[in-house]
Protein backbone atom coordinates (compact mmCIF):
# COMPACT_ATOMS: atom_id res chain seq x y z
CA MET A 1 -146.94 266.57 20.66
CA LEU A 2 -147.14 267.89 17.11
CA ALA A 3 -143.69 269.47 17.37
CA ALA A 4 -142.23 266.17 18.61
CA GLN A 5 -143.86 264.32 15.72
CA ARG A 6 -142.50 266.78 13.18
CA LEU A 7 -139.02 266.43 14.66
CA GLY A 8 -139.31 262.64 14.76
CA ALA A 9 -138.77 262.69 18.53
CA LYS A 10 -140.38 260.36 21.02
CA PRO A 11 -142.37 262.27 23.65
CA GLU A 12 -140.40 260.69 26.50
CA HIS A 13 -137.25 262.27 25.00
CA CYS A 14 -138.73 265.79 24.99
CA LEU A 15 -138.25 268.55 27.53
CA VAL A 16 -140.95 271.21 27.42
CA PHE A 17 -140.74 274.72 28.90
CA GLU A 18 -144.13 276.08 29.94
CA ASP A 19 -145.59 279.09 31.67
CA SER A 20 -149.23 278.04 31.88
CA PRO A 21 -151.17 275.32 33.70
CA ALA A 22 -152.84 274.27 30.42
CA GLY A 23 -149.47 273.86 28.70
CA LEU A 24 -148.14 271.87 31.64
CA GLU A 25 -151.14 269.55 31.50
CA ALA A 26 -150.84 269.06 27.73
CA ALA A 27 -147.15 268.21 27.95
CA ARG A 28 -147.70 265.78 30.84
CA ARG A 29 -150.54 264.04 28.97
CA ALA A 30 -148.22 263.69 25.98
CA GLY A 31 -145.64 261.97 28.20
CA MET A 32 -143.08 264.77 28.09
CA ALA A 33 -140.92 266.17 30.89
CA VAL A 34 -141.87 269.71 31.85
CA VAL A 35 -139.96 272.65 33.29
CA VAL A 36 -142.31 275.46 34.27
CA VAL A 37 -141.56 279.15 34.67
CA PRO A 38 -144.90 280.40 35.96
CA ASP A 39 -146.05 283.96 36.16
CA PRO A 40 -145.47 285.02 39.78
CA ASP A 41 -149.11 286.17 39.99
CA LEU A 42 -150.41 282.63 39.37
CA CYS A 43 -151.04 280.16 42.17
CA ARG A 44 -147.95 277.93 42.42
CA GLU A 45 -150.06 274.85 43.23
CA GLN A 46 -151.32 274.90 39.63
CA PHE A 47 -147.83 273.76 38.61
CA ASP A 48 -147.38 270.88 41.06
CA GLY A 49 -147.19 268.31 38.24
CA ALA A 50 -144.04 269.83 36.75
CA ASP A 51 -140.71 268.04 36.84
CA GLU A 52 -138.97 271.30 37.73
CA ARG A 53 -140.24 274.75 38.64
CA LEU A 54 -138.09 277.85 38.08
CA ASN A 55 -138.56 281.51 38.86
CA SER A 56 -136.67 282.50 35.69
CA LEU A 57 -135.13 280.77 32.68
CA GLU A 58 -131.80 282.05 34.00
CA GLU A 59 -132.11 279.37 36.72
CA PHE A 60 -132.17 276.53 34.19
CA TRP A 61 -129.14 274.22 34.32
CA PRO A 62 -129.10 271.91 31.27
CA GLU A 63 -126.66 269.56 33.04
CA ARG A 64 -129.45 268.53 35.44
CA TRP A 65 -131.21 267.05 32.44
CA GLY A 66 -128.18 265.37 30.89
CA LEU A 67 -127.77 268.16 28.35
CA PRO A 68 -124.58 270.04 27.51
CA GLY A 69 -124.00 273.13 29.61
CA PHE A 70 -124.36 276.57 28.12
CA HIS A 71 -120.60 277.02 27.94
CA GLN A 72 -119.81 273.59 26.50
CA THR A 73 -119.37 272.76 22.85
CA PRO A 74 -122.02 270.29 21.70
CA VAL A 75 -120.77 266.97 20.39
CA ALA A 76 -121.76 266.30 16.76
CA HIS A 77 -123.58 263.04 16.19
CA GLY A 78 -123.20 261.58 12.77
């Protein structure tokens, strides 16, 4: 939440990447969307509240979230 405030971003416009149940819970309470990449040794049910669960960051597709793809040139907003 503090990072969003410092950036001037509304929590509902934030996408958080987390690897812990506590971080997931904090982001959800703040009203942010959460992509989790949990440690494989942790119980997967601890991450049921996530919007997306990945095994690796290499599985993340920004396009699913309305973001530019990794091989696209971002559009400048002025």
